[in-house]
Amino acid sequence: MPTESKTPEPARIDPIRAGLLCRCPNCGQSRLFEGFLKVVERCAACGFDFTRLNTGDGAAIFIMQIAGGIVVFTALWLQIAYDPPIWLLLLLAVPTALALALGLMRPGKGLMIALQMKGRDR
């Protein structure tokens, strides 16, 4: 029997879990990011090449809409229910929007990469 050099099949990892953990969606072992949002070129564990994937600003668009929606509708509800001064709303809304946007950005981008990889498997 001749031996064929075949690319190993990717592990079947839940893309949501891989994205949230910021791990390689192909093997689930190695880290996905070098810096805050810079994706590694290759997985240290399985060698998957991430340079051919391009998520662009897709994650940022979704995260801004999610964080903005939460903050705006919460501020609207607070304004209607309690009628606080505008400075208090700003004091609460701006840090909340910043924390949500920064906190969700890495998992969101990891999820976009994992879903892009899953879509290419088909």
PDB file of N, CA and C in Angstrom:
ATOM      1  N   MET A   1       0.831  -1.184   0.000  1.00  0.00           N
ATOM      2  CA  MET A   1       0.000   0.000   0.000  1.00  0.00           C
ATOM      3  C   MET A   1       0.876   1.248   0.000  1.00  0.00           C
ATOM      4  N   PRO A   2       0.679   2.110  -0.989  1.00  0.00           N
ATOM      5  CA  PRO A   2       1.449   3.347  -0.989  1.00  0.00           C
ATOM      6  C   PRO A   2       0.936   4.298   0.076  1.00  0.00           C
ATOM      7  N   THR A   3       1.848   4.970   0.690  1.00  0.00           N
ATOM      8  CA  THR A   3       1.447   5.957   1.701  1.00  0.00           C
ATOM      9  C   THR A   3       1.252   7.296   1.021  1.00  0.00           C
ATOM     10  N   GLU A   4       0.157   7.901   1.282  1.00  0.00           N
ATOM     11  CA  GLU A   4      -0.157   9.203   0.715  1.00  0.00           C
ATOM     12  C   GLU A   4       0.069  10.274   1.768  1.00  0.00           C
ATOM     13  N   SER A   5       0.710  11.360   1.378  1.00  0.00           N
ATOM     14  CA  SER A   5       0.840  12.475   2.309  1.00  0.00           C
ATOM     15  C   SER A   5      -0.431  13.296   2.198  1.00  0.00           C
ATOM     16  N   LYS A   6      -1.215  13.215   3.192  1.00  0.00           N
ATOM     17  CA  LYS A   6      -2.525  13.839   3.180  1.00  0.00           C
ATOM     18  C   LYS A   6      -2.607  14.846   4.313  1.00  0.00           C
ATOM     19  N   THR A   7      -3.218  15.967   4.033  1.00  0.00           N
ATOM     20  CA  THR A   7      -3.410  16.961   5.074  1.00  0.00           C
ATOM     21  C   THR A   7      -4.346  16.379   6.126  1.00  0.00           C
ATOM     22  N   PRO A   8      -3.980  16.468   7.399  1.00  0.00           N
ATOM     23  CA  PRO A   8      -4.856  15.904   8.427  1.00  0.00           C
ATOM     24  C   PRO A   8      -6.195  16.621   8.456  1.00  0.00           C
ATOM     25  N   GLU A   9      -7.210  15.845   8.690  1.00  0.00           N
ATOM     26  CA  GLU A   9      -8.565  16.405   8.797  1.00  0.00           C
ATOM     27  C   GLU A   9      -8.636  17.331   9.998  1.00  0.00           C
ATOM     28  N   PRO A  10      -9.306  18.477   9.839  1.00  0.00           N
ATOM     29  CA  PRO A  10      -9.438  19.362  10.992  1.00  0.00           C
ATOM     30  C   PRO A  10     -10.311  18.725  12.069  1.00  0.00           C
ATOM     31  N   ALA A  11      -9.977  19.022  13.289  1.00  0.00           N
ATOM     32  CA  ALA A  11     -10.783  18.532  14.399  1.00  0.00           C
ATOM     33  C   ALA A  11     -12.150  19.193  14.332  1.00  0.00           C
ATOM     34  N   ARG A  12     -13.145  18.473  14.659  1.00  0.00           N
ATOM     35  CA  ARG A  12     -14.500  19.035  14.651  1.00  0.00           C
ATOM     36  C   ARG A  12     -14.748  19.737  15.977  1.00  0.00           C
ATOM     37  N   ILE A  13     -14.441  21.009  15.970  1.00  0.00           N
ATOM     38  CA  ILE A  13     -14.543  21.826  17.168  1.00  0.00           C
ATOM     39  C   ILE A  13     -15.708  22.786  16.997  1.00  0.00           C
ATOM     40  N   ASP A  14     -16.430  23.005  18.036  1.00  0.00           N
ATOM     41  CA  ASP A  14     -17.527  23.955  17.999  1.00  0.00           C
ATOM     42  C   ASP A  14     -16.964  25.353  17.741  1.00  0.00           C
ATOM     43  N   PRO A  15     -17.373  26.022  16.640  1.00  0.00           N
ATOM     44  CA  PRO A  15     -16.797  27.339  16.343  1.00  0.00           C
ATOM     45  C   PRO A  15     -17.084  28.382  17.415  1.00  0.00           C
ATOM     46  N   ILE A  16     -18.209  28.269  18.072  1.00  0.00           N
ATOM     47  CA  ILE A  16     -18.527  29.233  19.133  1.00  0.00           C
ATOM     48  C   ILE A  16     -17.548  29.070  20.289  1.00  0.00           C
ATOM     49  N   ARG A  17     -17.285  27.834  20.661  1.00  0.00           N
ATOM     50  CA  ARG A  17     -16.336  27.579  21.751  1.00  0.00           C
ATOM     51  C   ARG A  17     -14.928  28.025  21.362  1.00  0.00           C
ATOM     52  N   ALA A  18     -14.507  27.687  20.141  1.00  0.00           N
ATOM     53  CA  ALA A  18     -13.169  28.089  19.684  1.00  0.00           C
ATOM     54  C   ALA A  18     -13.052  29.609  19.639  1.00  0.00           C
ATOM     55  N   GLY A  19     -14.098  30.291  19.168  1.00  0.00           N
ATOM     56  CA  GLY A  19     -14.064  31.747  19.103  1.00  0.00           C
ATOM     57  C   GLY A  19     -14.011  32.387  20.470  1.00  0.00           C
ATOM     58  N   LEU A  20     -14.816  31.903  21.379  1.00  0.00           N
ATOM     59  CA  LEU A  20     -14.837  32.471  22.723  1.00  0.00           C
ATOM     60  C   LEU A  20     -13.527  32.240  23.468  1.00  0.00           C
ATOM     61  N   LEU A  21     -12.895  31.113  23.215  1.00  0.00           N
ATOM     62  CA  LEU A  21     -11.634  30.809  23.882  1.00  0.00           C
ATOM     63  C   LEU A  21     -10.426  31.375  23.148  1.00  0.00           C
ATOM     64  N   CYS A  22     -10.655  31.973  21.971  1.00  0.00           N
ATOM     65  CA  CYS A  22      -9.583  32.542  21.138  1.00  0.00           C
ATOM     66  C   CYS A  22      -8.506  31.504  20.862  1.00  0.00           C
ATOM     67  N   ARG A  23      -8.940  30.312  20.501  1.00  0.00           N
ATOM     68  CA  ARG A  23      -8.050  29.205  20.161  1.00  0.00           C
ATOM     69  C   ARG A  23      -8.145  28.903  18.673  1.00  0.00           C
ATOM     70  N   CYS A  24      -7.201  28.146  18.166  1.00  0.00           N
ATOM     71  CA  CYS A  24      -7.188  27.736  16.765  1.00  0.00           C
ATOM     72  C   CYS A  24      -8.451  26.925  16.478  1.00  0.00           C
ATOM     73  N   PRO A  25      -9.287  27.359  15.536  1.00  0.00           N
ATOM     74  CA  PRO A  25     -10.502  26.618  15.225  1.00  0.00           C
ATOM     75  C   PRO A  25     -10.232  25.286  14.532  1.00  0.00           C
ATOM     76  N   ASN A  26      -9.024  25.080  14.035  1.00  0.00           N
ATOM     77  CA  ASN A  26      -8.688  23.837  13.353  1.00  0.00           C
ATOM     78  C   ASN A  26      -8.372  22.714  14.339  1.00  0.00           C
ATOM     79  N   CYS A  27      -7.598  23.032  15.380  1.00  0.00           N
ATOM     80  CA  CYS A  27      -7.214  21.990  16.336  1.00  0.00           C
ATOM     81  C   CYS A  27      -7.671  22.280  17.762  1.00  0.00           C
ATOM     82  N   GLY A  28      -7.943  23.527  18.078  1.00  0.00           N
ATOM     83  CA  GLY A  28      -8.388  23.891  19.420  1.00  0.00           C
ATOM     84  C   GLY A  28      -7.278  23.970  20.445  1.00  0.00           C
ATOM     85  N   GLN A  29      -6.030  23.851  20.022  1.00  0.00           N
ATOM     86  CA  GLN A  29      -4.922  23.787  20.961  1.00  0.00           C
ATOM     87  C   GLN A  29      -4.215  25.115  21.173  1.00  0.00           C
ATOM     88  N   SER A  30      -3.798  25.745  20.096  1.00  0.00           N
ATOM     89  CA  SER A  30      -2.926  26.913  20.187  1.00  0.00           C
ATOM     90  C   SER A  30      -3.736  28.208  20.207  1.00  0.00           C
ATOM     91  N   ARG A  31      -3.072  29.286  20.581  1.00  0.00           N
ATOM     92  CA  ARG A  31      -3.739  30.589  20.629  1.00  0.00           C
ATOM     93  C   ARG A  31      -3.955  31.126  19.222  1.00  0.00           C
ATOM     94  N   LEU A  32      -4.975  31.945  19.069  1.00  0.00           N
ATOM     95  CA  LEU A  32      -5.354  32.479  17.772  1.00  0.00           C
ATOM     96  C   LEU A  32      -4.768  33.867  17.530  1.00  0.00           C
ATOM     97  N   PHE A  33      -4.502  34.618  18.587  1.00  0.00           N
ATOM     98  CA  PHE A  33      -4.055  36.000  18.449  1.00  0.00           C
ATOM     99  C   PHE A  33      -2.645  36.189  18.982  1.00  0.00           C
ATOM    100  N   GLU A  34      -1.889  37.032  18.271  1.00  0.00           N
ATOM    101  CA  GLU A  34      -0.554  37.433  18.700  1.00  0.00           C
ATOM    102  C   GLU A  34      -0.635  38.601  19.665  1.00  0.00           C
ATOM    103  N   GLY A  35      -1.337  39.628  19.261  1.00  0.00           N
ATOM    104  CA  GLY A  35      -1.548  40.807  20.092  1.00  0.00           C
ATOM    105  C   GLY A  35      -3.010  40.864  20.490  1.00  0.00           C
ATOM    106  N   PHE A  36      -3.546  42.080  20.534  1.00  0.00           N
ATOM    107  CA  PHE A  36      -4.959  42.199  20.909  1.00  0.00           C
ATOM    108  C   PHE A  36      -5.857  41.646  19.815  1.00  0.00           C
ATOM    109  N   LEU A  37      -5.636  42.039  18.559  1.00  0.00           N
ATOM    110  CA  LEU A  37      -6.456  41.553  17.453  1.00  0.00           C
ATOM    111  C   LEU A  37      -5.642  41.019  16.273  1.00  0.00           C
ATOM    112  N   LYS A  38      -4.328  40.949  16.401  1.00  0.00           N
ATOM    113  CA  LYS A  38      -3.504  40.441  15.302  1.00  0.00           C
ATOM    114  C   LYS A  38      -3.522  38.917  15.331  1.00  0.00           C
ATOM    115  N   VAL A  39      -4.016  38.339  14.237  1.00  0.00           N
ATOM    116  CA  VAL A  39      -4.118  36.886  14.135  1.00  0.00           C
ATOM    117  C   VAL A  39      -2.735  36.317  13.827  1.00  0.00           C
ATOM    118  N   VAL A  40      -2.392  35.196  14.473  1.00  0.00           N
ATOM    119  CA  VAL A  40      -1.114  34.545  14.198  1.00  0.00           C
ATOM    120  C   VAL A  40      -1.084  34.079  12.746  1.00  0.00           C
ATOM    121  N   GLU A  41       0.111  33.980  12.178  1.00  0.00           N
ATOM    122  CA  GLU A  41       0.215  33.531  10.790  1.00  0.00           C
ATOM    123  C   GLU A  41      -0.029  32.033  10.667  1.00  0.00           C
ATOM    124  N   ARG A  42       0.494  31.260  11.594  1.00  0.00           N
ATOM    125  CA  ARG A  42       0.321  29.802  11.603  1.00  0.00           C
ATOM    126  C   ARG A  42       0.037  29.326  13.020  1.00  0.00           C
ATOM    127  N   CYS A  43      -0.762  28.284  13.101  1.00  0.00           N
ATOM    128  CA  CYS A  43      -1.040  27.669  14.403  1.00  0.00           C
ATOM    129  C   CYS A  43       0.223  26.956  14.872  1.00  0.00           C
ATOM    130  N   ALA A  44       0.592  27.167  16.114  1.00  0.00           N
ATOM    131  CA  ALA A  44       1.793  26.538  16.668  1.00  0.00           C
ATOM    132  C   ALA A  44       1.605  25.032  16.849  1.00  0.00           C
ATOM    133  N   ALA A  45       0.368  24.574  17.004  1.00  0.00           N
ATOM    134  CA  ALA A  45       0.124  23.155  17.247  1.00  0.00           C
ATOM    135  C   ALA A  45      -0.071  22.360  15.955  1.00  0.00           C
ATOM    136  N   CYS A  46      -0.946  22.836  15.059  1.00  0.00           N
ATOM    137  CA  CYS A  46      -1.269  22.051  13.859  1.00  0.00           C
ATOM    138  C   CYS A  46      -0.693  22.644  12.575  1.00  0.00           C
ATOM    139  N   GLY A  47      -0.180  23.875  12.625  1.00  0.00           N
ATOM    140  CA  GLY A  47       0.421  24.482  11.449  1.00  0.00           C
ATOM    141  C   GLY A  47      -0.558  25.084  10.462  1.00  0.00           C
ATOM    142  N   PHE A  48      -1.818  25.238  10.838  1.00  0.00           N
ATOM    143  CA  PHE A  48      -2.808  25.805   9.917  1.00  0.00           C
ATOM    144  C   PHE A  48      -2.405  27.236   9.550  1.00  0.00           C
ATOM    145  N   ASP A  49      -2.504  27.558   8.268  1.00  0.00           N
ATOM    146  CA  ASP A  49      -2.111  28.863   7.751  1.00  0.00           C
ATOM    147  C   ASP A  49      -3.300  29.822   7.817  1.00  0.00           C
ATOM    148  N   PHE A  50      -3.208  30.827   8.688  1.00  0.00           N
ATOM    149  CA  PHE A  50      -4.290  31.800   8.841  1.00  0.00           C
ATOM    150  C   PHE A  50      -4.170  32.977   7.887  1.00  0.00           C
ATOM    151  N   THR A  51      -3.055  33.057   7.137  1.00  0.00           N
ATOM    152  CA  THR A  51      -2.873  34.200   6.243  1.00  0.00           C
ATOM    153  C   THR A  51      -3.858  34.189   5.086  1.00  0.00           C
ATOM    154  N   ARG A  52      -4.406  33.023   4.737  1.00  0.00           N
ATOM    155  CA  ARG A  52      -5.360  32.972   3.633  1.00  0.00           C
ATOM    156  C   ARG A  52      -6.786  33.325   4.054  1.00  0.00           C
ATOM    157  N   LEU A  53      -7.006  33.487   5.328  1.00  0.00           N
ATOM    158  CA  LEU A  53      -8.326  33.893   5.822  1.00  0.00           C
ATOM    159  C   LEU A  53      -8.368  35.407   5.956  1.00  0.00           C
ATOM    160  N   ASN A  54      -9.522  35.988   5.714  1.00  0.00           N
ATOM    161  CA  ASN A  54      -9.664  37.435   5.825  1.00  0.00           C
ATOM    162  C   ASN A  54     -11.037  37.762   6.400  1.00  0.00           C
ATOM    163  N   THR A  55     -11.056  38.172   7.637  1.00  0.00           N
ATOM    164  CA  THR A  55     -12.329  38.571   8.242  1.00  0.00           C
ATOM    165  C   THR A  55     -12.560  40.058   8.108  1.00  0.00           C
ATOM    166  N   GLY A  56     -11.522  40.805   7.793  1.00  0.00           N
ATOM    167  CA  GLY A  56     -11.671  42.250   7.633  1.00  0.00           C
ATOM    168  C   GLY A  56     -12.209  42.886   8.901  1.00  0.00           C
ATOM    169  N   ASP A  57     -13.142  43.799   8.729  1.00  0.00           N
ATOM    170  CA  ASP A  57     -13.757  44.495   9.861  1.00  0.00           C
ATOM    171  C   ASP A  57     -15.123  43.919  10.206  1.00  0.00           C
ATOM    172  N   GLY A  58     -15.399  42.732   9.751  1.00  0.00           N
ATOM    173  CA  GLY A  58     -16.708  42.121   9.997  1.00  0.00           C
ATOM    174  C   GLY A  58     -17.053  42.012  11.463  1.00  0.00           C
ATOM    175  N   ALA A  59     -16.103  41.577  12.264  1.00  0.00           N
ATOM    176  CA  ALA A  59     -16.355  41.428  13.695  1.00  0.00           C
ATOM    177  C   ALA A  59     -16.626  42.780  14.342  1.00  0.00           C
ATOM    178  N   ALA A  60     -15.888  43.806  13.925  1.00  0.00           N
ATOM    179  CA  ALA A  60     -16.063  45.142  14.514  1.00  0.00           C
ATOM    180  C   ALA A  60     -17.470  45.673  14.248  1.00  0.00           C
ATOM    181  N   ILE A  61     -17.991  45.428  13.062  1.00  0.00           N
ATOM    182  CA  ILE A  61     -19.337  45.898  12.729  1.00  0.00           C
ATOM    183  C   ILE A  61     -20.371  45.245  13.645  1.00  0.00           C
ATOM    184  N   PHE A  62     -20.285  43.922  13.792  1.00  0.00           N
ATOM    185  CA  PHE A  62     -21.244  43.216  14.648  1.00  0.00           C
ATOM    186  C   PHE A  62     -21.113  43.640  16.107  1.00  0.00           C
ATOM    187  N   ILE A  63     -19.884  43.771  16.587  1.00  0.00           N
ATOM    188  CA  ILE A  63     -19.662  44.137  17.983  1.00  0.00           C
ATOM    189  C   ILE A  63     -20.172  45.544  18.263  1.00  0.00           C
ATOM    190  N   MET A  64     -19.935  46.480  17.342  1.00  0.00           N
ATOM    191  CA  MET A  64     -20.438  47.850  17.539  1.00  0.00           C
ATOM    192  C   MET A  64     -21.960  47.863  17.600  1.00  0.00           C
ATOM    193  N   GLN A  65     -22.601  47.068  16.763  1.00  0.00           N
ATOM    194  CA  GLN A  65     -24.066  47.035  16.788  1.00  0.00           C
ATOM    195  C   GLN A  65     -24.591  46.390  18.059  1.00  0.00           C
ATOM    196  N   ILE A  66     -23.949  45.326  18.499  1.00  0.00           N
ATOM    197  CA  ILE A  66     -24.384  44.658  19.737  1.00  0.00           C
ATOM    198  C   ILE A  66     -24.171  45.574  20.940  1.00  0.00           C
ATOM    199  N   ALA A  67     -22.956  46.108  21.082  1.00  0.00           N
ATOM    200  CA  ALA A  67     -22.656  46.984  22.224  1.00  0.00           C
ATOM    201  C   ALA A  67     -23.499  48.252  22.163  1.00  0.00           C
ATOM    202  N   GLY A  68     -23.613  48.854  20.988  1.00  0.00           N
ATOM    203  CA  GLY A  68     -24.411  50.068  20.842  1.00  0.00           C
ATOM    204  C   GLY A  68     -25.875  49.833  21.170  1.00  0.00           C
ATOM    205  N   GLY A  69     -26.417  48.715  20.704  1.00  0.00           N
ATOM    206  CA  GLY A  69     -27.819  48.398  21.003  1.00  0.00           C
ATOM    207  C   GLY A  69     -28.070  48.227  22.490  1.00  0.00           C
ATOM    208  N   ILE A  70     -27.184  47.501  23.141  1.00  0.00           N
ATOM    209  CA  ILE A  70     -27.336  47.293  24.589  1.00  0.00           C
ATOM    210  C   ILE A  70     -27.267  48.621  25.334  1.00  0.00           C
ATOM    211  N   VAL A  71     -26.272  49.447  25.009  1.00  0.00           N
ATOM    212  CA  VAL A  71     -26.076  50.714  25.718  1.00  0.00           C
ATOM    213  C   VAL A  71     -27.205  51.697  25.430  1.00  0.00           C
ATOM    214  N   VAL A  72     -27.591  51.820  24.170  1.00  0.00           N
ATOM    215  CA  VAL A  72     -28.635  52.792  23.806  1.00  0.00           C
ATOM    216  C   VAL A  72     -29.976  52.415  24.419  1.00  0.00           C
ATOM    217  N   PHE A  73     -30.352  51.137  24.316  1.00  0.00           N
ATOM    218  CA  PHE A  73     -31.657  50.764  24.868  1.00  0.00           C
ATOM    219  C   PHE A  73     -31.666  50.775  26.396  1.00  0.00           C
ATOM    220  N   THR A  74     -30.530  50.497  27.017  1.00  0.00           N
ATOM    221  CA  THR A  74     -30.449  50.618  28.473  1.00  0.00           C
ATOM    222  C   THR A  74     -30.544  52.085  28.895  1.00  0.00           C
ATOM    223  N   ALA A  75     -29.846  52.966  28.176  1.00  0.00           N
ATOM    224  CA  ALA A  75     -29.918  54.401  28.491  1.00  0.00           C
ATOM    225  C   ALA A  75     -31.334  54.937  28.269  1.00  0.00           C
ATOM    226  N   LEU A  76     -31.978  54.474  27.212  1.00  0.00           N
ATOM    227  CA  LEU A  76     -33.363  54.898  26.955  1.00  0.00           C
ATOM    228  C   LEU A  76     -34.285  54.430  28.070  1.00  0.00           C
ATOM    229  N   TRP A  77     -34.123  53.188  28.490  1.00  0.00           N
ATOM    230  CA  TRP A  77     -34.958  52.666  29.576  1.00  0.00           C
ATOM    231  C   TRP A  77     -34.699  53.442  30.876  1.00  0.00           C
ATOM    232  N   LEU A  78     -33.427  53.717  31.180  1.00  0.00           N
ATOM    233  CA  LEU A  78     -33.105  54.488  32.388  1.00  0.00           C
ATOM    234  C   LEU A  78     -33.710  55.893  32.323  1.00  0.00           C
ATOM    235  N   GLN A  79     -33.646  56.514  31.142  1.00  0.00           N
ATOM    236  CA  GLN A  79     -34.198  57.867  30.986  1.00  0.00           C
ATOM    237  C   GLN A  79     -35.709  57.880  31.205  1.00  0.00           C
ATOM    238  N   ILE A  80     -36.389  56.884  30.659  1.00  0.00           N
ATOM    239  CA  ILE A  80     -37.853  56.832  30.808  1.00  0.00           C
ATOM    240  C   ILE A  80     -38.246  56.452  32.227  1.00  0.00           C
ATOM    241  N   ALA A  81     -37.563  55.479  32.810  1.00  0.00           N
ATOM    242  CA  ALA A  81     -37.955  54.970  34.123  1.00  0.00           C
ATOM    243  C   ALA A  81     -37.553  55.898  35.268  1.00  0.00           C
ATOM    244  N   TYR A  82     -36.361  56.502  35.205  1.00  0.00           N
ATOM    245  CA  TYR A  82     -35.847  57.247  36.352  1.00  0.00           C
ATOM    246  C   TYR A  82     -35.555  58.718  36.079  1.00  0.00           C
ATOM    247  N   ASP A  83     -35.498  59.125  34.827  1.00  0.00           N
ATOM    248  CA  ASP A  83     -35.226  60.502  34.425  1.00  0.00           C
ATOM    249  C   ASP A  83     -33.981  61.086  35.127  1.00  0.00           C
ATOM    250  N   PRO A  84     -32.813  60.411  34.987  1.00  0.00           N
ATOM    251  CA  PRO A  84     -31.591  60.957  35.590  1.00  0.00           C
ATOM    252  C   PRO A  84     -31.049  62.110  34.748  1.00  0.00           C
ATOM    253  N   PRO A  85     -30.158  62.911  35.303  1.00  0.00           N
ATOM    254  CA  PRO A  85     -29.535  63.972  34.494  1.00  0.00           C
ATOM    255  C   PRO A  85     -28.680  63.356  33.373  1.00  0.00           C
ATOM    256  N   ILE A  86     -28.529  64.114  32.300  1.00  0.00           N
ATOM    257  CA  ILE A  86     -27.815  63.611  31.134  1.00  0.00           C
ATOM    258  C   ILE A  86     -26.360  63.269  31.440  1.00  0.00           C
ATOM    259  N   TRP A  87     -25.728  64.022  32.332  1.00  0.00           N
ATOM    260  CA  TRP A  87     -24.337  63.742  32.671  1.00  0.00           C
ATOM    261  C   TRP A  87     -24.189  62.376  33.328  1.00  0.00           C
ATOM    262  N   LEU A  88     -25.201  61.962  34.093  1.00  0.00           N
ATOM    263  CA  LEU A  88     -25.156  60.651  34.732  1.00  0.00           C
ATOM    264  C   LEU A  88     -25.298  59.542  33.692  1.00  0.00           C
ATOM    265  N   LEU A  89     -26.174  59.757  32.713  1.00  0.00           N
ATOM    266  CA  LEU A  89     -26.313  58.779  31.635  1.00  0.00           C
ATOM    267  C   LEU A  89     -25.000  58.637  30.858  1.00  0.00           C
ATOM    268  N   LEU A  90     -24.360  59.755  30.563  1.00  0.00           N
ATOM    269  CA  LEU A  90     -23.083  59.710  29.866  1.00  0.00           C
ATOM    270  C   LEU A  90     -22.006  59.040  30.714  1.00  0.00           C
ATOM    271  N   LEU A  91     -22.024  59.317  31.995  1.00  0.00           N
ATOM    272  CA  LEU A  91     -21.056  58.720  32.899  1.00  0.00           C
ATOM    273  C   LEU A  91     -21.202  57.196  32.946  1.00  0.00           C
ATOM    274  N   LEU A  92     -22.418  56.712  32.774  1.00  0.00           N
ATOM    275  CA  LEU A  92     -22.657  55.270  32.763  1.00  0.00           C
ATOM    276  C   LEU A  92     -22.495  54.660  31.366  1.00  0.00           C
ATOM    277  N   ALA A  93     -22.970  55.351  30.341  1.00  0.00           N
ATOM    278  CA  ALA A  93     -23.032  54.770  29.000  1.00  0.00           C
ATOM    279  C   ALA A  93     -21.681  54.671  28.312  1.00  0.00           C
ATOM    280  N   VAL A  94     -20.858  55.695  28.409  1.00  0.00           N
ATOM    281  CA  VAL A  94     -19.587  55.693  27.682  1.00  0.00           C
ATOM    282  C   VAL A  94     -18.653  54.576  28.170  1.00  0.00           C
ATOM    283  N   PRO A  95     -18.399  54.440  29.469  1.00  0.00           N
ATOM    284  CA  PRO A  95     -17.533  53.333  29.898  1.00  0.00           C
ATOM    285  C   PRO A  95     -18.145  51.954  29.615  1.00  0.00           C
ATOM    286  N   THR A  96     -19.467  51.858  29.707  1.00  0.00           N
ATOM    287  CA  THR A  96     -20.116  50.584  29.420  1.00  0.00           C
ATOM    288  C   THR A  96     -19.947  50.211  27.958  1.00  0.00           C
ATOM    289  N   ALA A  97     -20.131  51.166  27.059  1.00  0.00           N
ATOM    290  CA  ALA A  97     -19.948  50.903  25.631  1.00  0.00           C
ATOM    291  C   ALA A  97     -18.502  50.516  25.331  1.00  0.00           C
ATOM    292  N   LEU A  98     -17.569  51.214  25.937  1.00  0.00           N
ATOM    293  CA  LEU A  98     -16.151  50.919  25.737  1.00  0.00           C
ATOM    294  C   LEU A  98     -15.802  49.521  26.257  1.00  0.00           C
ATOM    295  N   ALA A  99     -16.275  49.192  27.440  1.00  0.00           N
ATOM    296  CA  ALA A  99     -15.986  47.875  28.024  1.00  0.00           C
ATOM    297  C   ALA A  99     -16.609  46.751  27.205  1.00  0.00           C
ATOM    298  N   LEU A 100     -17.850  46.947  26.766  1.00  0.00           N
ATOM    299  CA  LEU A 100     -18.497  45.920  25.937  1.00  0.00           C
ATOM    300  C   LEU A 100     -17.778  45.746  24.610  1.00  0.00           C
ATOM    301  N   ALA A 101     -17.436  46.842  23.963  1.00  0.00           N
ATOM    302  CA  ALA A 101     -16.775  46.760  22.655  1.00  0.00           C
ATOM    303  C   ALA A 101     -15.414  46.075  22.769  1.00  0.00           C
ATOM    304  N   LEU A 102     -14.612  46.480  23.732  1.00  0.00           N
ATOM    305  CA  LEU A 102     -13.286  45.876  23.885  1.00  0.00           C
ATOM    306  C   LEU A 102     -13.363  44.436  24.391  1.00  0.00           C
ATOM    307  N   GLY A 103     -14.309  44.177  25.270  1.00  0.00           N
ATOM    308  CA  GLY A 103     -14.453  42.831  25.822  1.00  0.00           C
ATOM    309  C   GLY A 103     -14.968  41.809  24.826  1.00  0.00           C
ATOM    310  N   LEU A 104     -15.786  42.247  23.886  1.00  0.00           N
ATOM    311  CA  LEU A 104     -16.359  41.325  22.914  1.00  0.00           C
ATOM    312  C   LEU A 104     -15.561  41.219  21.614  1.00  0.00           C
ATOM    313  N   MET A 105     -14.584  42.100  21.415  1.00  0.00           N
ATOM    314  CA  MET A 105     -13.903  42.153  20.121  1.00  0.00           C
ATOM    315  C   MET A 105     -13.084  40.894  19.819  1.00  0.00           C
ATOM    316  N   ARG A 106     -12.268  40.433  20.739  1.00  0.00           N
ATOM    317  CA  ARG A 106     -11.459  39.226  20.472  1.00  0.00           C
ATOM    318  C   ARG A 106     -12.318  37.992  20.276  1.00  0.00           C
ATOM    319  N   PRO A 107     -13.258  37.700  21.187  1.00  0.00           N
ATOM    320  CA  PRO A 107     -14.107  36.531  20.936  1.00  0.00           C
ATOM    321  C   PRO A 107     -14.918  36.657  19.639  1.00  0.00           C
ATOM    322  N   GLY A 108     -15.351  37.871  19.310  1.00  0.00           N
ATOM    323  CA  GLY A 108     -16.105  38.074  18.077  1.00  0.00           C
ATOM    324  C   GLY A 108     -15.269  37.808  16.840  1.00  0.00           C
ATOM    325  N   LYS A 109     -14.035  38.289  16.843  1.00  0.00           N
ATOM    326  CA  LYS A 109     -13.161  38.045  15.698  1.00  0.00           C
ATOM    327  C   LYS A 109     -12.779  36.571  15.625  1.00  0.00           C
ATOM    328  N   GLY A 110     -12.543  35.948  16.759  1.00  0.00           N
ATOM    329  CA  GLY A 110     -12.252  34.512  16.776  1.00  0.00           C
ATOM    330  C   GLY A 110     -13.416  33.702  16.235  1.00  0.00           C
ATOM    331  N   LEU A 111     -14.619  34.107  16.598  1.00  0.00           N
ATOM    332  CA  LEU A 111     -15.809  33.430  16.092  1.00  0.00           C
ATOM    333  C   LEU A 111     -15.946  33.617  14.586  1.00  0.00           C
ATOM    334  N   MET A 112     -15.683  34.817  14.074  1.00  0.00           N
ATOM    335  CA  MET A 112     -15.758  35.065  12.632  1.00  0.00           C
ATOM    336  C   MET A 112     -14.743  34.195  11.882  1.00  0.00           C
ATOM    337  N   ILE A 113     -13.539  34.056  12.417  1.00  0.00           N
ATOM    338  CA  ILE A 113     -12.519  33.226  11.780  1.00  0.00           C
ATOM    339  C   ILE A 113     -12.951  31.762  11.788  1.00  0.00           C
ATOM    340  N   ALA A 114     -13.462  31.303  12.919  1.00  0.00           N
ATOM    341  CA  ALA A 114     -13.895  29.907  13.024  1.00  0.00           C
ATOM    342  C   ALA A 114     -15.048  29.611  12.063  1.00  0.00           C
ATOM    343  N   LEU A 115     -15.999  30.529  11.956  1.00  0.00           N
ATOM    344  CA  LEU A 115     -17.121  30.315  11.043  1.00  0.00           C
ATOM    345  C   LEU A 115     -16.674  30.378   9.586  1.00  0.00           C
ATOM    346  N   GLN A 116     -15.693  31.218   9.287  1.00  0.00           N
ATOM    347  CA  GLN A 116     -15.160  31.272   7.935  1.00  0.00           C
ATOM    348  C   GLN A 116     -14.470  29.949   7.594  1.00  0.00           C
ATOM    349  N   MET A 117     -13.727  29.392   8.538  1.00  0.00           N
ATOM    350  CA  MET A 117     -13.073  28.108   8.302  1.00  0.00           C
ATOM    351  C   MET A 117     -14.107  26.999   8.144  1.00  0.00           C
ATOM    352  N   LYS A 118     -15.136  27.026   8.951  1.00  0.00           N
ATOM    353  CA  LYS A 118     -16.181  25.993   8.875  1.00  0.00           C
ATOM    354  C   LYS A 118     -16.900  26.072   7.537  1.00  0.00           C
ATOM    355  N   GLY A 119     -17.121  27.275   7.036  1.00  0.00           N
ATOM    356  CA  GLY A 119     -17.775  27.443   5.750  1.00  0.00           C
ATOM    357  C   GLY A 119     -16.937  26.937   4.595  1.00  0.00           C
ATOM    358  N   ARG A 120     -15.623  26.975   4.715  1.00  0.00           N
ATOM    359  CA  ARG A 120     -14.740  26.478   3.661  1.00  0.00           C
ATOM    360  C   ARG A 120     -14.672  24.965   3.635  1.00  0.00           C
ATOM    361  N   ASP A 121     -15.011  24.308   4.753  1.00  0.00           N
ATOM    362  CA  ASP A 121     -14.967  22.836   4.824  1.00  0.00           C
ATOM    363  C   ASP A 121     -16.019  22.209   3.925  1.00  0.00           C
ATOM    364  N   ARG A 122     -17.061  22.930   3.641  1.00  0.00           N
ATOM    365  CA  ARG A 122     -18.179  22.342   2.896  1.00  0.00           C
ATOM    366  C   ARG A 122     -17.945  22.322   1.441  1.00  0.00           C
TER     367      ARG A 122
END
